[in-house]
């Protein structure tokens, strides 16, 4: 997984899975030390497994308790469906795409 951090946005490239989750979690926590809210750009992510989704949901829930937010940007239609039809929909904030806006 390749990662680019610009300000409050973390852009991911590749696969968000069990092998890359720790790396992404560490970057999220580093970014959250400097910014109130964080955007995770998934536009260039090939796939996300349950480990990756669980890590994002847990981080989002923790931030929500603190009055902060984790926003997912660039979710594929398939990922949007997975989030919508699971309990993840109440835990994850997904930015509206041009298609759904």
C-alpha atoms as a PDB file:
ATOM      1  CA  UNK A   1       0.000   0.000   0.000  1.00  0.00           C
ATOM      2  CA  UNK A   2       1.209   3.467  -0.873  1.00  0.00           C
ATOM      3  CA  UNK A   3       0.040   6.430   1.171  1.00  0.00           C
ATOM      4  CA  UNK A   4       0.186  10.185   0.661  1.00  0.00           C
ATOM      5  CA  UNK A   5      -0.594  12.598   3.485  1.00  0.00           C
ATOM      6  CA  UNK A   6      -1.469  16.192   2.656  1.00  0.00           C
ATOM      7  CA  UNK A   7      -2.767  18.238   5.532  1.00  0.00           C
ATOM      8  CA  UNK A   8      -5.847  16.519   6.930  1.00  0.00           C
ATOM      9  CA  UNK A   9      -6.194  14.119   3.964  1.00  0.00           C
ATOM     10  CA  UNK A  10      -4.708  10.644   3.750  1.00  0.00           C
ATOM     11  CA  UNK A  11      -4.806   9.239   0.206  1.00  0.00           C
ATOM     12  CA  UNK A  12      -4.472   5.468  -0.056  1.00  0.00           C
ATOM     13  CA  UNK A  13      -3.262   3.551  -3.121  1.00  0.00           C
ATOM     14  CA  UNK A  14      -3.523  -0.228  -3.475  1.00  0.00           C
ATOM     15  CA  UNK A  15      -5.286  -2.620  -1.122  1.00  0.00           C
ATOM     16  CA  UNK A  16      -6.490  -1.826   2.371  1.00  0.00           C
ATOM     17  CA  UNK A  17      -6.282  -5.224   4.015  1.00  0.00           C
ATOM     18  CA  UNK A  18      -4.789  -7.033   6.972  1.00  0.00           C
ATOM     19  CA  UNK A  19      -1.257  -6.402   5.720  1.00  0.00           C
ATOM     20  CA  UNK A  20      -1.660  -2.620   5.443  1.00  0.00           C
ATOM     21  CA  UNK A  21      -4.116  -1.853   8.250  1.00  0.00           C
ATOM     22  CA  UNK A  22      -1.456  -1.210  10.913  1.00  0.00           C
ATOM     23  CA  UNK A  23       0.389   1.223   8.636  1.00  0.00           C
ATOM     24  CA  UNK A  24      -2.808   3.142   7.857  1.00  0.00           C
ATOM     25  CA  UNK A  25      -3.924   3.155  11.511  1.00  0.00           C
ATOM     26  CA  UNK A  26      -0.557   4.616  12.566  1.00  0.00           C
ATOM     27  CA  UNK A  27      -0.802   7.346   9.919  1.00  0.00           C
ATOM     28  CA  UNK A  28      -4.367   8.120  10.971  1.00  0.00           C
ATOM     29  CA  UNK A  29      -3.289   8.595  14.577  1.00  0.00           C
ATOM     30  CA  UNK A  30      -0.333  10.784  13.545  1.00  0.00           C
ATOM     31  CA  UNK A  31      -2.593  12.932  11.373  1.00  0.00           C
ATOM     32  CA  UNK A  32      -5.195  13.179  14.134  1.00  0.00           C
ATOM     33  CA  UNK A  33      -2.566  14.619  16.469  1.00  0.00           C
ATOM     34  CA  UNK A  34      -2.361  17.628  14.121  1.00  0.00           C
ATOM     35  CA  UNK A  35      -5.922  17.946  12.787  1.00  0.00           C
ATOM     36  CA  UNK A  36      -9.380  17.908  14.328  1.00  0.00           C
ATOM     37  CA  UNK A  37     -10.964  15.888  11.501  1.00  0.00           C
ATOM     38  CA  UNK A  38      -9.420  13.595   8.885  1.00  0.00           C
ATOM     39  CA  UNK A  39     -10.374  12.647   5.339  1.00  0.00           C
ATOM     40  CA  UNK A  40      -9.371   9.224   4.007  1.00  0.00           C
ATOM     41  CA  UNK A  41      -9.334   9.266   0.204  1.00  0.00           C
ATOM     42  CA  UNK A  42     -10.064   5.795  -1.164  1.00  0.00           C
ATOM     43  CA  UNK A  43     -10.256   6.842  -4.836  1.00  0.00           C
ATOM     44  CA  UNK A  44      -7.220   4.743  -5.750  1.00  0.00           C
ATOM     45  CA  UNK A  45      -7.879   1.755  -3.502  1.00  0.00           C
ATOM     46  CA  UNK A  46      -8.355  -1.514  -5.381  1.00  0.00           C
ATOM     47  CA  UNK A  47     -10.072  -3.347  -2.536  1.00  0.00           C
ATOM     48  CA  UNK A  48     -10.908  -3.077   1.152  1.00  0.00           C
ATOM     49  CA  UNK A  49     -11.311  -6.143   3.331  1.00  0.00           C
ATOM     50  CA  UNK A  50     -13.163  -6.490   6.618  1.00  0.00           C
ATOM     51  CA  UNK A  51      -9.998  -5.742   8.615  1.00  0.00           C
ATOM     52  CA  UNK A  52      -9.586  -2.399   6.866  1.00  0.00           C
ATOM     53  CA  UNK A  53     -13.255  -1.496   7.225  1.00  0.00           C
ATOM     54  CA  UNK A  54     -13.265  -2.446  10.900  1.00  0.00           C
ATOM     55  CA  UNK A  55     -10.193  -0.283  11.572  1.00  0.00           C
ATOM     56  CA  UNK A  56     -11.824   2.707   9.813  1.00  0.00           C
ATOM     57  CA  UNK A  57     -15.102   2.177  11.670  1.00  0.00           C
ATOM     58  CA  UNK A  58     -13.386   1.886  15.057  1.00  0.00           C
ATOM     59  CA  UNK A  59     -11.402   5.075  14.423  1.00  0.00           C
ATOM     60  CA  UNK A  60     -14.540   6.861  13.250  1.00  0.00           C
ATOM     61  CA  UNK A  61     -16.484   5.815  16.352  1.00  0.00           C
ATOM     62  CA  UNK A  62     -13.682   6.967  18.655  1.00  0.00           C
ATOM     63  CA  UNK A  63     -13.530  10.347  16.917  1.00  0.00           C
ATOM     64  CA  UNK A  64     -17.305  10.773  17.003  1.00  0.00           C
ATOM     65  CA  UNK A  65     -17.229  10.406  20.791  1.00  0.00           C
ATOM     66  CA  UNK A  66     -14.749  13.295  20.865  1.00  0.00           C
ATOM     67  CA  UNK A  67     -16.877  15.479  18.566  1.00  0.00           C
ATOM     68  CA  UNK A  68     -14.511  14.871  15.652  1.00  0.00           C
ATOM     69  CA  UNK A  69     -14.970  13.181  12.292  1.00  0.00           C
ATOM     70  CA  UNK A  70     -13.391  10.694   9.919  1.00  0.00           C
ATOM     71  CA  UNK A  71     -14.723  11.190   6.387  1.00  0.00           C
ATOM     72  CA  UNK A  72     -14.308   8.634   3.601  1.00  0.00           C
ATOM     73  CA  UNK A  73     -13.871  10.144   0.145  1.00  0.00           C
ATOM     74  CA  UNK A  74     -13.813   8.451  -3.232  1.00  0.00           C
ATOM     75  CA  UNK A  75     -15.542   5.211  -2.256  1.00  0.00           C
ATOM     76  CA  UNK A  76     -16.255   2.915  -5.185  1.00  0.00           C
ATOM     77  CA  UNK A  77     -19.870   1.929  -5.854  1.00  0.00           C
ATOM     78  CA  UNK A  78     -19.085  -1.588  -4.588  1.00  0.00           C
ATOM     79  CA  UNK A  79     -17.632  -0.261  -1.330  1.00  0.00           C
ATOM     80  CA  UNK A  80     -20.616   2.068  -0.893  1.00  0.00           C
ATOM     81  CA  UNK A  81     -22.929  -0.954  -1.209  1.00  0.00           C
ATOM     82  CA  UNK A  82     -20.960  -2.939   1.371  1.00  0.00           C
ATOM     83  CA  UNK A  83     -21.102  -0.015   3.796  1.00  0.00           C
ATOM     84  CA  UNK A  84     -24.808   0.591   3.128  1.00  0.00           C
ATOM     85  CA  UNK A  85     -25.856  -3.024   3.716  1.00  0.00           C
ATOM     86  CA  UNK A  86     -23.830  -3.664   6.853  1.00  0.00           C
ATOM     87  CA  UNK A  87     -23.744  -2.189  10.317  1.00  0.00           C
ATOM     88  CA  UNK A  88     -20.839  -0.054   9.079  1.00  0.00           C
ATOM     89  CA  UNK A  89     -23.281   2.514   7.677  1.00  0.00           C
ATOM     90  CA  UNK A  90     -23.958   3.859  11.156  1.00  0.00           C
ATOM     91  CA  UNK A  91     -20.238   4.106  11.924  1.00  0.00           C
ATOM     92  CA  UNK A  92     -18.737   5.539   8.725  1.00  0.00           C
ATOM     93  CA  UNK A  93     -19.271   8.957   7.175  1.00  0.00           C
ATOM     94  CA  UNK A  94     -19.045   8.696   3.381  1.00  0.00           C
ATOM     95  CA  UNK A  95     -18.721  11.834   1.302  1.00  0.00           C
ATOM     96  CA  UNK A  96     -21.450  12.168  -1.309  1.00  0.00           C
ATOM     97  CA  UNK A  97     -20.142  11.523  -4.793  1.00  0.00           C
ATOM     98  CA  UNK A  98     -21.142  13.456  -7.882  1.00  0.00           C
ATOM     99  CA  UNK A  99     -23.297  10.457  -8.819  1.00  0.00           C
ATOM    100  CA  UNK A 100     -25.261  10.491  -5.550  1.00  0.00           C
ATOM    101  CA  UNK A 101     -25.344  14.239  -4.906  1.00  0.00           C
END
